Amino acid sequence: MWSITFSRLRRALGVLALAVLVLAGCKGKETSTVSGTVKYKGKALTSGEIQFINPEKGVASPGPIDSSGNYTLAGKIEPGTYKVYVQAPPPEQLPPGKVSARPPFDLPPKYQDPRQTPVSKEVKAGANTINIEFE
């Protein structure tokens, strides 16, 4: 009789331990949303795409820059430290002799390269407003 009770107790403890492990793993990763403004020398950047890249985790998230200098990263990202750079807008396809109405993209190359950018930002869990000022 004792062996039956011990066997049931052992089985119940095993099921309980498994349930605790499963529930602990269900929490998932924390995520963040990021938005803000992008400026160069105090003036809003009005085109391009902001990029947040975390080389250690191998993850990146882009966000288009609107005509007012605002951006919102696409989707959610994990909290952490991210290098920040800007990709220039793609060139316009214009007929011969036509001049672009788009203002020139004058951001220095170091801010357009993930390996050279000196700008890093900390992303925390939840909603983040991160304003970027390139100098």
C-alpha atoms as a PDB file:
ATOM      1  CA  MET A   1       0.000   0.000   0.000  1.00  0.00           C
ATOM      2  CA  TRP A   2       2.833   2.407   0.843  1.00  0.00           C
ATOM      3  CA  SER A   3       4.447   1.888  -2.610  1.00  0.00           C
ATOM      4  CA  ILE A   4       1.192   2.810  -4.387  1.00  0.00           C
ATOM      5  CA  THR A   5       0.839   6.020  -2.388  1.00  0.00           C
ATOM      6  CA  PHE A   6       4.508   6.899  -2.918  1.00  0.00           C
ATOM      7  CA  SER A   7       4.175   6.229  -6.649  1.00  0.00           C
ATOM      8  CA  ARG A   8       1.144   8.514  -6.913  1.00  0.00           C
ATOM      9  CA  LEU A   9       2.891  11.209  -4.900  1.00  0.00           C
ATOM     10  CA  ARG A  10       5.951  10.991  -7.112  1.00  0.00           C
ATOM     11  CA  ARG A  11       3.801  11.213 -10.240  1.00  0.00           C
ATOM     12  CA  ALA A  12       1.854  14.195  -8.837  1.00  0.00           C
ATOM     13  CA  LEU A  13       5.107  16.009  -7.989  1.00  0.00           C
ATOM     14  CA  GLY A  14       6.408  15.302 -11.493  1.00  0.00           C
ATOM     15  CA  VAL A  15       3.247  16.736 -13.080  1.00  0.00           C
ATOM     16  CA  LEU A  16       3.433  19.768 -10.785  1.00  0.00           C
ATOM     17  CA  ALA A  17       7.102  20.379 -11.671  1.00  0.00           C
ATOM     18  CA  LEU A  18       6.298  20.127 -15.390  1.00  0.00           C
ATOM     19  CA  ALA A  19       3.389  22.567 -15.019  1.00  0.00           C
ATOM     20  CA  VAL A  20       5.636  25.098 -13.258  1.00  0.00           C
ATOM     21  CA  LEU A  21       8.235  24.846 -16.035  1.00  0.00           C
ATOM     22  CA  VAL A  22       5.621  25.263 -18.770  1.00  0.00           C
ATOM     23  CA  LEU A  23       4.038  28.272 -17.078  1.00  0.00           C
ATOM     24  CA  ALA A  24       7.432  29.898 -16.493  1.00  0.00           C
ATOM     25  CA  GLY A  25       8.237  29.523 -20.199  1.00  0.00           C
ATOM     26  CA  CYS A  26       4.931  31.050 -21.311  1.00  0.00           C
ATOM     27  CA  LYS A  27       5.857  34.579 -20.229  1.00  0.00           C
ATOM     28  CA  GLY A  28       7.631  35.278 -23.527  1.00  0.00           C
ATOM     29  CA  LYS A  29      10.056  38.043 -24.349  1.00  0.00           C
ATOM     30  CA  GLU A  30       9.400  41.637 -23.439  1.00  0.00           C
ATOM     31  CA  THR A  31       8.844  43.891 -26.436  1.00  0.00           C
ATOM     32  CA  SER A  32       9.067  47.573 -27.163  1.00  0.00           C
ATOM     33  CA  THR A  33       7.682  50.100 -29.588  1.00  0.00           C
ATOM     34  CA  VAL A  34       9.778  53.074 -30.662  1.00  0.00           C
ATOM     35  CA  SER A  35       8.906  56.406 -32.265  1.00  0.00           C
ATOM     36  CA  GLY A  36      10.310  59.929 -32.239  1.00  0.00           C
ATOM     37  CA  THR A  37      11.902  62.595 -34.411  1.00  0.00           C
ATOM     38  CA  VAL A  38      15.105  62.699 -36.427  1.00  0.00           C
ATOM     39  CA  LYS A  39      17.163  65.890 -36.783  1.00  0.00           C
ATOM     40  CA  TYR A  40      20.483  66.858 -38.320  1.00  0.00           C
ATOM     41  CA  LYS A  41      22.092  70.061 -37.053  1.00  0.00           C
ATOM     42  CA  GLY A  42      18.801  71.046 -35.406  1.00  0.00           C
ATOM     43  CA  LYS A  43      16.655  70.652 -38.544  1.00  0.00           C
ATOM     44  CA  ALA A  44      14.234  67.820 -39.195  1.00  0.00           C
ATOM     45  CA  LEU A  45      15.363  65.140 -41.644  1.00  0.00           C
ATOM     46  CA  THR A  46      12.502  64.877 -44.106  1.00  0.00           C
ATOM     47  CA  SER A  47      13.272  61.634 -45.920  1.00  0.00           C
ATOM     48  CA  GLY A  48      15.069  58.346 -45.590  1.00  0.00           C
ATOM     49  CA  GLU A  49      14.611  55.476 -43.192  1.00  0.00           C
ATOM     50  CA  ILE A  50      15.855  55.262 -39.600  1.00  0.00           C
ATOM     51  CA  GLN A  51      17.427  51.933 -38.650  1.00  0.00           C
ATOM     52  CA  PHE A  52      17.875  50.501 -35.142  1.00  0.00           C
ATOM     53  CA  ILE A  53      20.318  47.578 -35.159  1.00  0.00           C
ATOM     54  CA  ASN A  54      21.512  45.376 -32.316  1.00  0.00           C
ATOM     55  CA  PRO A  55      24.618  43.563 -33.618  1.00  0.00           C
ATOM     56  CA  GLU A  56      24.871  41.349 -30.513  1.00  0.00           C
ATOM     57  CA  LYS A  57      21.372  39.934 -31.003  1.00  0.00           C
ATOM     58  CA  GLY A  58      21.461  40.129 -34.797  1.00  0.00           C
ATOM     59  CA  VAL A  59      18.203  42.089 -34.987  1.00  0.00           C
ATOM     60  CA  ALA A  60      17.243  45.331 -36.691  1.00  0.00           C
ATOM     61  CA  SER A  61      14.118  47.394 -37.144  1.00  0.00           C
ATOM     62  CA  PRO A  62      13.478  50.115 -39.757  1.00  0.00           C
ATOM     63  CA  GLY A  63      11.113  53.081 -39.711  1.00  0.00           C
ATOM     64  CA  PRO A  64      10.350  55.537 -42.507  1.00  0.00           C
ATOM     65  CA  ILE A  65      11.029  59.212 -41.789  1.00  0.00           C
ATOM     66  CA  ASP A  66       8.121  61.439 -42.789  1.00  0.00           C
ATOM     67  CA  SER A  67       8.246  64.994 -44.174  1.00  0.00           C
ATOM     68  CA  SER A  68       8.112  66.422 -40.618  1.00  0.00           C
ATOM     69  CA  GLY A  69      11.028  64.323 -39.364  1.00  0.00           C
ATOM     70  CA  ASN A  70       8.887  61.839 -37.421  1.00  0.00           C
ATOM     71  CA  TYR A  71       9.390  58.077 -37.443  1.00  0.00           C
ATOM     72  CA  THR A  72       7.860  54.938 -35.976  1.00  0.00           C
ATOM     73  CA  LEU A  73       9.728  51.648 -36.109  1.00  0.00           C
ATOM     74  CA  ALA A  74       7.925  48.851 -37.902  1.00  0.00           C
ATOM     75  CA  GLY A  75       6.622  46.313 -35.397  1.00  0.00           C
ATOM     76  CA  LYS A  76       8.012  45.593 -31.958  1.00  0.00           C
ATOM     77  CA  ILE A  77      11.615  45.055 -30.896  1.00  0.00           C
ATOM     78  CA  GLU A  78      13.276  43.605 -27.814  1.00  0.00           C
ATOM     79  CA  PRO A  79      14.641  45.982 -25.186  1.00  0.00           C
ATOM     80  CA  GLY A  80      18.390  46.608 -25.428  1.00  0.00           C
ATOM     81  CA  THR A  81      21.067  48.908 -26.813  1.00  0.00           C
ATOM     82  CA  TYR A  82      20.790  49.690 -30.516  1.00  0.00           C
ATOM     83  CA  LYS A  83      23.075  51.464 -32.958  1.00  0.00           C
ATOM     84  CA  VAL A  84      21.126  54.039 -34.947  1.00  0.00           C
ATOM     85  CA  TYR A  85      21.734  55.102 -38.542  1.00  0.00           C
ATOM     86  CA  VAL A  86      19.758  56.407 -41.518  1.00  0.00           C
ATOM     87  CA  GLN A  87      19.406  54.946 -44.995  1.00  0.00           C
ATOM     88  CA  ALA A  88      19.123  57.548 -47.719  1.00  0.00           C
ATOM     89  CA  PRO A  89      15.930  57.528 -49.769  1.00  0.00           C
ATOM     90  CA  PRO A  90      16.123  55.685 -53.090  1.00  0.00           C
ATOM     91  CA  PRO A  91      16.939  57.908 -56.066  1.00  0.00           C
ATOM     92  CA  GLU A  92      14.006  59.251 -58.056  1.00  0.00           C
ATOM     93  CA  GLN A  93      13.465  58.053 -61.592  1.00  0.00           C
ATOM     94  CA  LEU A  94      13.226  61.263 -63.615  1.00  0.00           C
ATOM     95  CA  PRO A  95      13.059  61.912 -67.339  1.00  0.00           C
ATOM     96  CA  PRO A  96      16.173  63.470 -68.900  1.00  0.00           C
ATOM     97  CA  GLY A  97      16.536  67.166 -68.094  1.00  0.00           C
ATOM     98  CA  LYS A  98      14.072  67.156 -65.193  1.00  0.00           C
ATOM     99  CA  VAL A  99      15.378  68.288 -61.791  1.00  0.00           C
ATOM    100  CA  SER A 100      14.198  66.615 -58.600  1.00  0.00           C
ATOM    101  CA  ALA A 101      11.903  68.599 -56.333  1.00  0.00           C
ATOM    102  CA  ARG A 102      13.170  66.567 -53.386  1.00  0.00           C
ATOM    103  CA  PRO A 103      15.639  68.391 -51.119  1.00  0.00           C
ATOM    104  CA  PRO A 104      19.194  66.994 -51.128  1.00  0.00           C
ATOM    105  CA  PHE A 105      20.032  64.322 -48.561  1.00  0.00           C
ATOM    106  CA  ASP A 106      23.032  65.889 -46.825  1.00  0.00           C
ATOM    107  CA  LEU A 107      23.553  63.557 -43.874  1.00  0.00           C
ATOM    108  CA  PRO A 108      27.260  62.641 -43.515  1.00  0.00           C
ATOM    109  CA  PRO A 109      28.206  59.068 -44.516  1.00  0.00           C
ATOM    110  CA  LYS A 110      29.146  58.036 -40.948  1.00  0.00           C
ATOM    111  CA  TYR A 111      25.458  58.373 -39.970  1.00  0.00           C
ATOM    112  CA  GLN A 112      24.433  56.192 -42.913  1.00  0.00           C
ATOM    113  CA  ASP A 113      26.629  53.206 -42.033  1.00  0.00           C
ATOM    114  CA  PRO A 114      25.821  50.768 -39.186  1.00  0.00           C
ATOM    115  CA  ARG A 115      29.536  50.069 -38.658  1.00  0.00           C
ATOM    116  CA  GLN A 116      30.534  53.750 -38.380  1.00  0.00           C
ATOM    117  CA  THR A 117      27.613  55.430 -36.638  1.00  0.00           C
ATOM    118  CA  PRO A 118      28.540  56.809 -33.221  1.00  0.00           C
ATOM    119  CA  VAL A 119      24.866  57.001 -32.193  1.00  0.00           C
ATOM    120  CA  SER A 120      23.486  54.376 -29.801  1.00  0.00           C
ATOM    121  CA  LYS A 121      20.163  54.429 -27.980  1.00  0.00           C
ATOM    122  CA  GLU A 122      18.736  52.348 -25.144  1.00  0.00           C
ATOM    123  CA  VAL A 123      15.312  50.841 -25.825  1.00  0.00           C
ATOM    124  CA  LYS A 124      13.316  49.931 -22.718  1.00  0.00           C
ATOM    125  CA  ALA A 125      10.335  47.583 -22.430  1.00  0.00           C
ATOM    126  CA  GLY A 126       7.032  49.181 -23.470  1.00  0.00           C
ATOM    127  CA  ALA A 127       6.485  52.391 -25.446  1.00  0.00           C
ATOM    128  CA  ASN A 128       9.587  54.518 -26.129  1.00  0.00           C
ATOM    129  CA  THR A 129       9.872  58.041 -27.529  1.00  0.00           C
ATOM    130  CA  ILE A 130      13.447  58.368 -28.752  1.00  0.00           C
ATOM    131  CA  ASN A 131      14.416  61.596 -30.499  1.00  0.00           C
ATOM    132  CA  ILE A 132      17.562  61.326 -32.609  1.00  0.00           C
ATOM    133  CA  GLU A 133      19.859  64.342 -33.081  1.00  0.00           C
ATOM    134  CA  PHE A 134      22.704  63.903 -35.555  1.00  0.00           C
ATOM    135  CA  GLU A 135      25.397  66.601 -35.284  1.00  0.00           C
END
